[in-house]
Amino acid sequence: MASLSQWVAGARPRTLPAAVAPVVLGTAAALRVDAADAGHALLALLVALALQVGVNYANDYSDGIRGTDEVRAGPVRLVGQRLADPRNVRLAAFLSFGAAGVLGLALVALSQAWVMLPLGALAVLAAWRYTGGDNPYGYRGLGEVYVFVFFGLLATLGTEYTQAGALSWFGLAGAVGVGSVASAILVANNLRDIPTDTEHGKRTLAVRLGDGRTRALYVGLMAASLPALAVMAVWGPWVLVALLAVPLGWRGVRVVRAGTTGPGLIPVLASTGLYEVAWAVLVLVGVALGVALG
């Protein structure tokens, strides 16, 4: 039976910044038009975290029962390492998705943003189908697309919409930046797993591109946050304070460009996630400064 610490590790805390950053950025977009709502932001954050944990447990379950997680250089795999009953891991995923659904319903009811209901349901379905079902799209190289759409565009713009009741070009630029860095987290993860994924027939985008082009993709996705920031600066130059986060992003870029493999890539997940959150928080700080200084 898995211990509490193993269950926590199985939730893959290094990926949680992908849930936090879009909510912070969406709140910054709402604050820019004086429509930020702390209560709605908190609910959006809880929804995003529950969905991310659900994705991670669902991935653990689906990969584990397929046998693709038996030899990994990464974090704890509850099913693949036979630490927990697969049924319990699947239940943990469904409970997380259920929590996301209940919290999301509360957020929609409070904000009257009813259009988010079908979009939220689609996010849960896509989360399960990532590695679950008969033809998971994560095995066909589409995982990064899912992350960009749901933990970039939908999470950021959904947060903005539930607070401001409208969308903005500022929010869209931020969503693209956040989504690109969130996708880079998955790219780094799949870069590390190219050998084992290839062996088990898991055709991730990294497997399809190969080592060299996957490294170039990671660098490109990280770099995409900079033009996104430049676009946001058109509506508020103070957001350029987010450039202070660049040294954090450079840590991961340096390791990936050095040709590091296997367990040596694990710190890249943490540094990329830290960059994503720091970038989003500093954008929020920049927006707040712009509002305060008129």
C-alpha atoms as a PDB file:
ATOM      1  CA  MET A   1       0.000   0.000   0.000  1.00  0.00           C
ATOM      2  CA  ALA A   2       1.350   3.389  -0.970  1.00  0.00           C
ATOM      3  CA  SER A   3       2.271   5.821   1.797  1.00  0.00           C
ATOM      4  CA  LEU A   4       0.905   9.362   1.984  1.00  0.00           C
ATOM      5  CA  SER A   5       4.218  10.749   0.731  1.00  0.00           C
ATOM      6  CA  GLN A   6       4.071   8.398  -2.261  1.00  0.00           C
ATOM      7  CA  TRP A   7       0.512   9.516  -3.071  1.00  0.00           C
ATOM      8  CA  VAL A   8       1.690  13.125  -2.905  1.00  0.00           C
ATOM      9  CA  ALA A   9       4.637  12.317  -5.174  1.00  0.00           C
ATOM     10  CA  GLY A  10       2.246  10.493  -7.516  1.00  0.00           C
ATOM     11  CA  ALA A  11       0.294  13.741  -7.899  1.00  0.00           C
ATOM     12  CA  ARG A  12       3.505  15.145  -9.468  1.00  0.00           C
ATOM     13  CA  PRO A  13       3.846  18.472  -7.644  1.00  0.00           C
ATOM     14  CA  ARG A  14       6.401  19.720 -10.202  1.00  0.00           C
ATOM     15  CA  THR A  15       3.586  20.016 -12.751  1.00  0.00           C
ATOM     16  CA  LEU A  16       1.293  22.118 -10.553  1.00  0.00           C
ATOM     17  CA  PRO A  17       2.741  25.463 -11.703  1.00  0.00           C
ATOM     18  CA  ALA A  18       0.983  24.725 -14.998  1.00  0.00           C
ATOM     19  CA  ALA A  19      -2.282  25.096 -13.055  1.00  0.00           C
ATOM     20  CA  VAL A  20      -1.292  28.145 -10.986  1.00  0.00           C
ATOM     21  CA  ALA A  21       0.229  30.381 -13.659  1.00  0.00           C
ATOM     22  CA  PRO A  22      -2.790  30.717 -16.000  1.00  0.00           C
ATOM     23  CA  VAL A  23      -5.052  31.701 -13.106  1.00  0.00           C
ATOM     24  CA  VAL A  24      -2.572  34.360 -12.003  1.00  0.00           C
ATOM     25  CA  LEU A  25      -2.290  35.669 -15.568  1.00  0.00           C
ATOM     26  CA  GLY A  26      -6.062  35.651 -16.101  1.00  0.00           C
ATOM     27  CA  THR A  27      -6.495  37.576 -12.870  1.00  0.00           C
ATOM     28  CA  ALA A  28      -3.903  40.102 -14.078  1.00  0.00           C
ATOM     29  CA  ALA A  29      -5.940  40.577 -17.262  1.00  0.00           C
ATOM     30  CA  ALA A  30      -9.067  41.202 -15.177  1.00  0.00           C
ATOM     31  CA  LEU A  31      -7.226  43.591 -12.853  1.00  0.00           C
ATOM     32  CA  ARG A  32      -6.122  45.641 -15.850  1.00  0.00           C
ATOM     33  CA  VAL A  33      -9.765  46.588 -16.428  1.00  0.00           C
ATOM     34  CA  ASP A  34     -10.472  46.933 -12.690  1.00  0.00           C
ATOM     35  CA  ALA A  35     -12.541  43.745 -12.569  1.00  0.00           C
ATOM     36  CA  ALA A  36     -10.385  41.370 -10.508  1.00  0.00           C
ATOM     37  CA  ASP A  37     -12.283  39.261  -7.971  1.00  0.00           C
ATOM     38  CA  ALA A  38     -10.237  37.420  -5.329  1.00  0.00           C
ATOM     39  CA  GLY A  39     -13.001  34.913  -4.569  1.00  0.00           C
ATOM     40  CA  HIS A  40     -13.470  33.960  -8.202  1.00  0.00           C
ATOM     41  CA  ALA A  41      -9.700  33.763  -8.650  1.00  0.00           C
ATOM     42  CA  LEU A  42      -9.402  31.364  -5.697  1.00  0.00           C
ATOM     43  CA  LEU A  43     -12.133  29.129  -7.083  1.00  0.00           C
ATOM     44  CA  ALA A  44     -10.482  29.130 -10.509  1.00  0.00           C
ATOM     45  CA  LEU A  45      -7.178  28.182  -8.888  1.00  0.00           C
ATOM     46  CA  LEU A  46      -8.759  25.255  -7.016  1.00  0.00           C
ATOM     47  CA  VAL A  47     -10.437  24.055 -10.218  1.00  0.00           C
ATOM     48  CA  ALA A  48      -7.158  24.182 -12.123  1.00  0.00           C
ATOM     49  CA  LEU A  49      -5.229  22.387  -9.361  1.00  0.00           C
ATOM     50  CA  ALA A  50      -7.855  19.644  -9.053  1.00  0.00           C
ATOM     51  CA  LEU A  51      -7.853  19.148 -12.814  1.00  0.00           C
ATOM     52  CA  GLN A  52      -4.046  18.975 -12.939  1.00  0.00           C
ATOM     53  CA  VAL A  53      -3.899  16.411 -10.124  1.00  0.00           C
ATOM     54  CA  GLY A  54      -6.636  14.424 -11.848  1.00  0.00           C
ATOM     55  CA  VAL A  55      -4.655  14.420 -15.105  1.00  0.00           C
ATOM     56  CA  ASN A  56      -1.571  13.195 -13.268  1.00  0.00           C
ATOM     57  CA  TYR A  57      -3.338  10.333 -11.495  1.00  0.00           C
ATOM     58  CA  ALA A  58      -5.178   9.392 -14.700  1.00  0.00           C
ATOM     59  CA  ASN A  59      -1.864   9.349 -16.550  1.00  0.00           C
ATOM     60  CA  ASP A  60      -0.312   7.209 -13.810  1.00  0.00           C
ATOM     61  CA  TYR A  61      -3.216   4.745 -14.022  1.00  0.00           C
ATOM     62  CA  SER A  62      -3.436   4.516 -17.802  1.00  0.00           C
ATOM     63  CA  ASP A  63       0.311   4.272 -18.416  1.00  0.00           C
ATOM     64  CA  GLY A  64       0.649   1.838 -15.532  1.00  0.00           C
ATOM     65  CA  ILE A  65      -1.911  -0.681 -16.762  1.00  0.00           C
ATOM     66  CA  ARG A  66      -0.364  -0.504 -20.243  1.00  0.00           C
ATOM     67  CA  GLY A  67       3.062  -1.321 -18.813  1.00  0.00           C
ATOM     68  CA  THR A  68       4.735   1.842 -20.105  1.00  0.00           C
ATOM     69  CA  ASP A  69       5.677   3.076 -16.616  1.00  0.00           C
ATOM     70  CA  GLU A  70       7.613   0.091 -15.320  1.00  0.00           C
ATOM     71  CA  VAL A  71      11.025   1.637 -16.002  1.00  0.00           C
ATOM     72  CA  ARG A  72      11.133   5.399 -15.576  1.00  0.00           C
ATOM     73  CA  ALA A  73      13.772   7.953 -14.651  1.00  0.00           C
ATOM     74  CA  GLY A  74      11.157  10.345 -13.319  1.00  0.00           C
ATOM     75  CA  PRO A  75       8.989  10.653 -10.206  1.00  0.00           C
ATOM     76  CA  VAL A  76       6.996   7.991  -8.372  1.00  0.00           C
ATOM     77  CA  ARG A  77       4.640   5.912 -10.527  1.00  0.00           C
ATOM     78  CA  LEU A  78       2.011   4.426  -8.263  1.00  0.00           C
ATOM     79  CA  VAL A  79       0.739   1.781 -10.683  1.00  0.00           C
ATOM     80  CA  GLY A  80       3.873   1.180 -12.730  1.00  0.00           C
ATOM     81  CA  GLN A  81       5.941   0.560  -9.577  1.00  0.00           C
ATOM     82  CA  ARG A  82       3.117  -1.485  -8.031  1.00  0.00           C
ATOM     83  CA  LEU A  83       2.870   0.832  -5.045  1.00  0.00           C
ATOM     84  CA  ALA A  84      -0.921   1.193  -5.190  1.00  0.00           C
ATOM     85  CA  ASP A  85      -3.904  -0.751  -6.507  1.00  0.00           C
ATOM     86  CA  PRO A  86      -4.699   0.568 -10.000  1.00  0.00           C
ATOM     87  CA  ARG A  87      -8.369   0.859  -9.030  1.00  0.00           C
ATOM     88  CA  ASN A  88      -7.464   3.219  -6.204  1.00  0.00           C
ATOM     89  CA  VAL A  89      -5.354   5.396  -8.504  1.00  0.00           C
ATOM     90  CA  ARG A  90      -8.215   5.534 -10.997  1.00  0.00           C
ATOM     91  CA  LEU A  91     -10.566   6.475  -8.146  1.00  0.00           C
ATOM     92  CA  ALA A  92      -8.171   9.259  -7.076  1.00  0.00           C
ATOM     93  CA  ALA A  93      -8.261  10.599 -10.633  1.00  0.00           C
ATOM     94  CA  PHE A  94     -12.065  10.533 -10.758  1.00  0.00           C
ATOM     95  CA  LEU A  95     -12.350  12.157  -7.330  1.00  0.00           C
ATOM     96  CA  SER A  96     -10.024  14.937  -8.480  1.00  0.00           C
ATOM     97  CA  PHE A  97     -12.065  15.432 -11.644  1.00  0.00           C
ATOM     98  CA  GLY A  98     -15.229  15.436  -9.534  1.00  0.00           C
ATOM     99  CA  ALA A  99     -13.805  18.094  -7.234  1.00  0.00           C
ATOM    100  CA  ALA A 100     -12.862  20.184 -10.261  1.00  0.00           C
ATOM    101  CA  GLY A 101     -16.417  19.809 -11.569  1.00  0.00           C
ATOM    102  CA  VAL A 102     -18.099  20.848  -8.314  1.00  0.00           C
ATOM    103  CA  LEU A 103     -15.781  23.820  -7.807  1.00  0.00           C
ATOM    104  CA  GLY A 104     -16.164  24.795 -11.444  1.00  0.00           C
ATOM    105  CA  LEU A 105     -19.944  24.708 -11.145  1.00  0.00           C
ATOM    106  CA  ALA A 106     -19.729  27.006  -8.123  1.00  0.00           C
ATOM    107  CA  LEU A 107     -17.487  29.401 -10.056  1.00  0.00           C
ATOM    108  CA  VAL A 108     -19.836  29.438 -13.053  1.00  0.00           C
ATOM    109  CA  ALA A 109     -22.871  30.029 -10.848  1.00  0.00           C
ATOM    110  CA  LEU A 110     -21.211  32.921  -9.024  1.00  0.00           C
ATOM    111  CA  SER A 111     -19.838  34.548 -12.161  1.00  0.00           C
ATOM    112  CA  GLN A 112     -22.810  33.690 -14.389  1.00  0.00           C
ATOM    113  CA  ALA A 113     -20.286  32.602 -17.028  1.00  0.00           C
ATOM    114  CA  TRP A 114     -22.443  29.686 -18.192  1.00  0.00           C
ATOM    115  CA  VAL A 115     -20.486  29.219 -21.404  1.00  0.00           C
ATOM    116  CA  MET A 116     -17.723  27.748 -19.232  1.00  0.00           C
ATOM    117  CA  LEU A 117     -19.836  24.685 -18.334  1.00  0.00           C
ATOM    118  CA  PRO A 118     -19.426  22.791 -21.637  1.00  0.00           C
ATOM    119  CA  LEU A 119     -15.832  23.978 -21.916  1.00  0.00           C
ATOM    120  CA  GLY A 120     -15.101  22.645 -18.435  1.00  0.00           C
ATOM    121  CA  ALA A 121     -16.712  19.309 -19.261  1.00  0.00           C
ATOM    122  CA  LEU A 122     -14.581  19.129 -22.401  1.00  0.00           C
ATOM    123  CA  ALA A 123     -11.460  19.790 -20.317  1.00  0.00           C
ATOM    124  CA  VAL A 124     -12.253  16.850 -18.014  1.00  0.00           C
ATOM    125  CA  LEU A 125     -12.948  14.544 -20.963  1.00  0.00           C
ATOM    126  CA  ALA A 126      -9.713  15.612 -22.640  1.00  0.00           C
ATOM    127  CA  ALA A 127      -7.820  15.053 -19.380  1.00  0.00           C
ATOM    128  CA  TRP A 128      -8.960  11.430 -19.254  1.00  0.00           C
ATOM    129  CA  ARG A 129      -8.407  10.794 -22.954  1.00  0.00           C
ATOM    130  CA  TYR A 130      -4.808  12.044 -22.747  1.00  0.00           C
ATOM    131  CA  THR A 131      -3.549   8.539 -21.935  1.00  0.00           C
ATOM    132  CA  GLY A 132      -6.853   6.781 -21.222  1.00  0.00           C
ATOM    133  CA  GLY A 133      -9.321   5.007 -23.493  1.00  0.00           C
ATOM    134  CA  ASP A 134      -8.738   2.930 -26.592  1.00  0.00           C
ATOM    135  CA  ASN A 135      -6.908   5.561 -28.634  1.00  0.00           C
ATOM    136  CA  PRO A 136      -5.271   8.094 -26.275  1.00  0.00           C
ATOM    137  CA  TYR A 137      -4.066  11.211 -28.034  1.00  0.00           C
ATOM    138  CA  GLY A 138      -1.021  11.461 -25.749  1.00  0.00           C
ATOM    139  CA  TYR A 139       0.272   8.350 -27.530  1.00  0.00           C
ATOM    140  CA  ARG A 140      -0.135  10.107 -30.893  1.00  0.00           C
ATOM    141  CA  GLY A 141       2.005  13.145 -30.151  1.00  0.00           C
ATOM    142  CA  LEU A 142      -0.828  15.520 -29.245  1.00  0.00           C
ATOM    143  CA  GLY A 143      -0.162  15.974 -25.526  1.00  0.00           C
ATOM    144  CA  GLU A 144       1.469  19.365 -25.968  1.00  0.00           C
ATOM    145  CA  VAL A 145      -1.554  20.584 -27.918  1.00  0.00           C
ATOM    146  CA  TYR A 146      -3.800  19.595 -24.990  1.00  0.00           C
ATOM    147  CA  VAL A 147      -1.603  21.444 -22.505  1.00  0.00           C
ATOM    148  CA  PHE A 148      -1.456  24.580 -24.652  1.00  0.00           C
ATOM    149  CA  VAL A 149      -5.219  24.660 -25.211  1.00  0.00           C
ATOM    150  CA  PHE A 150      -6.452  23.731 -21.744  1.00  0.00           C
ATOM    151  CA  PHE A 151      -3.671  24.963 -19.429  1.00  0.00           C
ATOM    152  CA  GLY A 152      -2.895  27.950 -21.618  1.00  0.00           C
ATOM    153  CA  LEU A 153      -5.804  29.353 -23.569  1.00  0.00           C
ATOM    154  CA  LEU A 154      -8.800  27.953 -21.661  1.00  0.00           C
ATOM    155  CA  ALA A 155      -7.458  28.326 -18.116  1.00  0.00           C
ATOM    156  CA  THR A 156      -6.169  31.868 -18.655  1.00  0.00           C
ATOM    157  CA  LEU A 157      -9.056  33.234 -20.687  1.00  0.00           C
ATOM    158  CA  GLY A 158     -11.606  31.358 -18.571  1.00  0.00           C
ATOM    159  CA  THR A 159     -10.187  32.982 -15.450  1.00  0.00           C
ATOM    160  CA  GLU A 160     -10.343  36.398 -17.095  1.00  0.00           C
ATOM    161  CA  TYR A 161     -13.892  35.843 -18.314  1.00  0.00           C
ATOM    162  CA  THR A 162     -15.255  34.681 -14.944  1.00  0.00           C
ATOM    163  CA  GLN A 163     -13.955  37.891 -13.375  1.00  0.00           C
ATOM    164  CA  ALA A 164     -14.238  40.542 -16.094  1.00  0.00           C
ATOM    165  CA  GLY A 165     -17.129  39.100 -18.105  1.00  0.00           C
ATOM    166  CA  ALA A 166     -15.137  39.689 -21.304  1.00  0.00           C
ATOM    167  CA  LEU A 167     -11.911  38.715 -23.035  1.00  0.00           C
ATOM    168  CA  SER A 168      -9.038  40.921 -24.178  1.00  0.00           C
ATOM    169  CA  TRP A 169      -6.057  40.854 -26.493  1.00  0.00           C
ATOM    170  CA  PHE A 170      -3.904  41.342 -23.400  1.00  0.00           C
ATOM    171  CA  GLY A 171      -5.350  38.149 -21.915  1.00  0.00           C
ATOM    172  CA  LEU A 172      -4.892  36.244 -25.170  1.00  0.00           C
ATOM    173  CA  ALA A 173      -1.231  37.224 -25.410  1.00  0.00           C
ATOM    174  CA  GLY A 174      -0.724  36.127 -21.814  1.00  0.00           C
ATOM    175  CA  ALA A 175      -2.521  32.849 -22.483  1.00  0.00           C
ATOM    176  CA  VAL A 176      -0.189  32.124 -25.386  1.00  0.00           C
ATOM    177  CA  GLY A 177       2.850  32.843 -23.215  1.00  0.00           C
ATOM    178  CA  VAL A 178       1.642  30.719 -20.315  1.00  0.00           C
ATOM    179  CA  GLY A 179       0.514  27.900 -22.592  1.00  0.00           C
ATOM    180  CA  SER A 180       3.872  27.807 -24.353  1.00  0.00           C
ATOM    181  CA  VAL A 181       5.827  27.456 -21.119  1.00  0.00           C
ATOM    182  CA  ALA A 182       3.361  24.882 -19.756  1.00  0.00           C
ATOM    183  CA  SER A 183       3.841  22.877 -22.946  1.00  0.00           C
ATOM    184  CA  ALA A 184       7.603  23.151 -22.443  1.00  0.00           C
ATOM    185  CA  ILE A 185       7.202  21.304 -19.124  1.00  0.00           C
ATOM    186  CA  LEU A 186       5.646  18.352 -20.956  1.00  0.00           C
ATOM    187  CA  VAL A 187       8.274  18.535 -23.709  1.00  0.00           C
ATOM    188  CA  ALA A 188      11.051  18.282 -21.094  1.00  0.00           C
ATOM    189  CA  ASN A 189       9.274  15.366 -19.444  1.00  0.00           C
ATOM    190  CA  ASN A 190       8.857  13.512 -22.741  1.00  0.00           C
ATOM    191  CA  LEU A 191      12.419  14.318 -23.808  1.00  0.00           C
ATOM    192  CA  ARG A 192      13.616  12.471 -20.716  1.00  0.00           C
ATOM    193  CA  ASP A 193      11.367   9.504 -21.510  1.00  0.00           C
ATOM    194  CA  ILE A 194      12.196   9.094 -25.219  1.00  0.00           C
ATOM    195  CA  PRO A 195      14.044   5.755 -24.728  1.00  0.00           C
ATOM    196  CA  THR A 196      11.334   4.069 -22.631  1.00  0.00           C
ATOM    197  CA  ASP A 197       8.442   5.549 -24.598  1.00  0.00           C
ATOM    198  CA  THR A 198      10.010   4.326 -27.840  1.00  0.00           C
ATOM    199  CA  GLU A 199      10.440   0.861 -26.373  1.00  0.00           C
ATOM    200  CA  HIS A 200       6.779   0.670 -25.340  1.00  0.00           C
ATOM    201  CA  GLY A 201       5.332   2.182 -28.507  1.00  0.00           C
ATOM    202  CA  LYS A 202       4.259   5.451 -26.907  1.00  0.00           C
ATOM    203  CA  ARG A 203       4.573   7.855 -29.839  1.00  0.00           C
ATOM    204  CA  THR A 204       4.833  11.160 -27.996  1.00  0.00           C
ATOM    205  CA  LEU A 205       5.799  14.275 -29.904  1.00  0.00           C
ATOM    206  CA  ALA A 206       9.326  13.883 -28.514  1.00  0.00           C
ATOM    207  CA  VAL A 207       9.547  10.345 -29.900  1.00  0.00           C
ATOM    208  CA  ARG A 208       8.296  11.545 -33.287  1.00  0.00           C
ATOM    209  CA  LEU A 209      10.682  14.508 -33.450  1.00  0.00           C
ATOM    210  CA  GLY A 210      13.719  12.810 -32.007  1.00  0.00           C
ATOM    211  CA  ASP A 211      16.172  14.118 -29.433  1.00  0.00           C
ATOM    212  CA  GLY A 212      17.640  17.102 -31.287  1.00  0.00           C
ATOM    213  CA  ARG A 213      14.413  18.622 -32.589  1.00  0.00           C
ATOM    214  CA  THR A 214      12.695  18.071 -29.235  1.00  0.00           C
ATOM    215  CA  ARG A 215      15.402  20.115 -27.544  1.00  0.00           C
ATOM    216  CA  ALA A 216      14.913  22.864 -30.133  1.00  0.00           C
ATOM    217  CA  LEU A 217      11.154  22.756 -29.509  1.00  0.00           C
ATOM    218  CA  TYR A 218      11.691  23.194 -25.766  1.00  0.00           C
ATOM    219  CA  VAL A 219      13.884  26.249 -26.346  1.00  0.00           C
ATOM    220  CA  GLY A 220      11.355  27.699 -28.807  1.00  0.00           C
ATOM    221  CA  LEU A 221       8.448  27.276 -26.412  1.00  0.00           C
ATOM    222  CA  MET A 222      10.370  28.951 -23.605  1.00  0.00           C
ATOM    223  CA  ALA A 223      11.367  31.794 -25.906  1.00  0.00           C
ATOM    224  CA  ALA A 224       7.722  32.306 -26.953  1.00  0.00           C
ATOM    225  CA  SER A 225       6.993  33.854 -23.562  1.00  0.00           C
ATOM    226  CA  LEU A 226       9.083  36.903 -24.529  1.00  0.00           C
ATOM    227  CA  PRO A 227       7.147  38.123 -27.607  1.00  0.00           C
ATOM    228  CA  ALA A 228       3.948  37.395 -25.669  1.00  0.00           C
ATOM    229  CA  LEU A 229       5.236  39.732 -22.971  1.00  0.00           C
ATOM    230  CA  ALA A 230       6.098  42.347 -25.589  1.00  0.00           C
ATOM    231  CA  VAL A 231       2.520  42.241 -26.911  1.00  0.00           C
ATOM    232  CA  MET A 232       1.099  42.672 -23.400  1.00  0.00           C
ATOM    233  CA  ALA A 233       3.412  45.636 -22.878  1.00  0.00           C
ATOM    234  CA  VAL A 234       1.493  47.509 -25.583  1.00  0.00           C
ATOM    235  CA  TRP A 235      -1.364  47.820 -23.069  1.00  0.00           C
ATOM    236  CA  GLY A 236       0.822  48.188 -19.988  1.00  0.00           C
ATOM    237  CA  PRO A 237       4.611  48.661 -20.137  1.00  0.00           C
ATOM    238  CA  TRP A 238       4.983  47.824 -16.457  1.00  0.00           C
ATOM    239  CA  VAL A 239       4.484  44.128 -17.312  1.00  0.00           C
ATOM    240  CA  LEU A 240       8.055  44.140 -18.611  1.00  0.00           C
ATOM    241  CA  VAL A 241       9.053  43.644 -14.974  1.00  0.00           C
ATOM    242  CA  ALA A 242       8.428  39.961 -15.809  1.00  0.00           C
ATOM    243  CA  LEU A 243      11.777  39.983 -17.621  1.00  0.00           C
ATOM    244  CA  LEU A 244      13.242  39.533 -14.145  1.00  0.00           C
ATOM    245  CA  ALA A 245      12.085  35.907 -14.356  1.00  0.00           C
ATOM    246  CA  VAL A 246      14.222  35.165 -17.433  1.00  0.00           C
ATOM    247  CA  PRO A 247      17.247  33.861 -15.430  1.00  0.00           C
ATOM    248  CA  LEU A 248      14.951  31.190 -13.962  1.00  0.00           C
ATOM    249  CA  GLY A 249      13.917  30.093 -17.438  1.00  0.00           C
ATOM    250  CA  TRP A 250      17.502  30.114 -18.641  1.00  0.00           C
ATOM    251  CA  ARG A 251      18.373  27.390 -16.106  1.00  0.00           C
ATOM    252  CA  GLY A 252      16.247  24.831 -17.920  1.00  0.00           C
ATOM    253  CA  VAL A 253      17.270  26.057 -21.369  1.00  0.00           C
ATOM    254  CA  ARG A 254      20.941  25.707 -20.472  1.00  0.00           C
ATOM    255  CA  VAL A 255      20.509  22.117 -19.263  1.00  0.00           C
ATOM    256  CA  VAL A 256      18.449  21.077 -22.290  1.00  0.00           C
ATOM    257  CA  ARG A 257      20.873  22.693 -24.758  1.00  0.00           C
ATOM    258  CA  ALA A 258      23.783  20.919 -23.040  1.00  0.00           C
ATOM    259  CA  GLY A 259      22.415  17.557 -24.196  1.00  0.00           C
ATOM    260  CA  THR A 260      21.605  16.291 -20.701  1.00  0.00           C
ATOM    261  CA  THR A 261      19.643  13.024 -20.633  1.00  0.00           C
ATOM    262  CA  GLY A 262      17.777  10.759 -18.214  1.00  0.00           C
ATOM    263  CA  PRO A 263      17.507  11.806 -14.553  1.00  0.00           C
ATOM    264  CA  GLY A 264      19.591  14.884 -15.311  1.00  0.00           C
ATOM    265  CA  LEU A 265      16.540  16.398 -16.978  1.00  0.00           C
ATOM    266  CA  ILE A 266      14.330  16.099 -13.875  1.00  0.00           C
ATOM    267  CA  PRO A 267      15.438  19.499 -12.465  1.00  0.00           C
ATOM    268  CA  VAL A 268      14.348  21.068 -15.773  1.00  0.00           C
ATOM    269  CA  LEU A 269      10.726  20.303 -14.882  1.00  0.00           C
ATOM    270  CA  ALA A 270      11.057  22.228 -11.623  1.00  0.00           C
ATOM    271  CA  SER A 271      12.942  25.179 -13.125  1.00  0.00           C
ATOM    272  CA  THR A 272      10.512  25.481 -16.038  1.00  0.00           C
ATOM    273  CA  GLY A 273       7.524  25.396 -13.692  1.00  0.00           C
ATOM    274  CA  LEU A 274       9.156  27.968 -11.436  1.00  0.00           C
ATOM    275  CA  TYR A 275       9.769  30.230 -14.427  1.00  0.00           C
ATOM    276  CA  GLU A 276       6.150  29.926 -15.529  1.00  0.00           C
ATOM    277  CA  VAL A 277       4.795  30.933 -12.126  1.00  0.00           C
ATOM    278  CA  ALA A 278       7.344  33.707 -11.599  1.00  0.00           C
ATOM    279  CA  TRP A 279       6.617  35.094 -15.077  1.00  0.00           C
ATOM    280  CA  ALA A 280       2.857  35.158 -14.413  1.00  0.00           C
ATOM    281  CA  VAL A 281       3.204  36.627 -10.910  1.00  0.00           C
ATOM    282  CA  LEU A 282       5.493  39.383 -12.164  1.00  0.00           C
ATOM    283  CA  VAL A 283       3.025  40.203 -14.932  1.00  0.00           C
ATOM    284  CA  LEU A 284       0.386  40.566 -12.208  1.00  0.00           C
ATOM    285  CA  VAL A 285       2.748  42.800 -10.238  1.00  0.00           C
ATOM    286  CA  GLY A 286       3.358  44.905 -13.343  1.00  0.00           C
ATOM    287  CA  VAL A 287      -0.354  45.301 -13.975  1.00  0.00           C
ATOM    288  CA  ALA A 288      -0.919  46.255 -10.324  1.00  0.00           C
ATOM    289  CA  LEU A 289       1.815  48.867 -10.579  1.00  0.00           C
ATOM    290  CA  GLY A 290       0.276  50.266 -13.733  1.00  0.00           C
ATOM    291  CA  VAL A 291      -3.123  50.526 -12.080  1.00  0.00           C
ATOM    292  CA  ALA A 292      -1.701  52.096  -8.939  1.00  0.00           C
ATOM    293  CA  LEU A 293       0.360  54.672 -10.813  1.00  0.00           C
ATOM    294  CA  GLY A 294      -2.509  55.549 -13.115  1.00  0.00           C
END
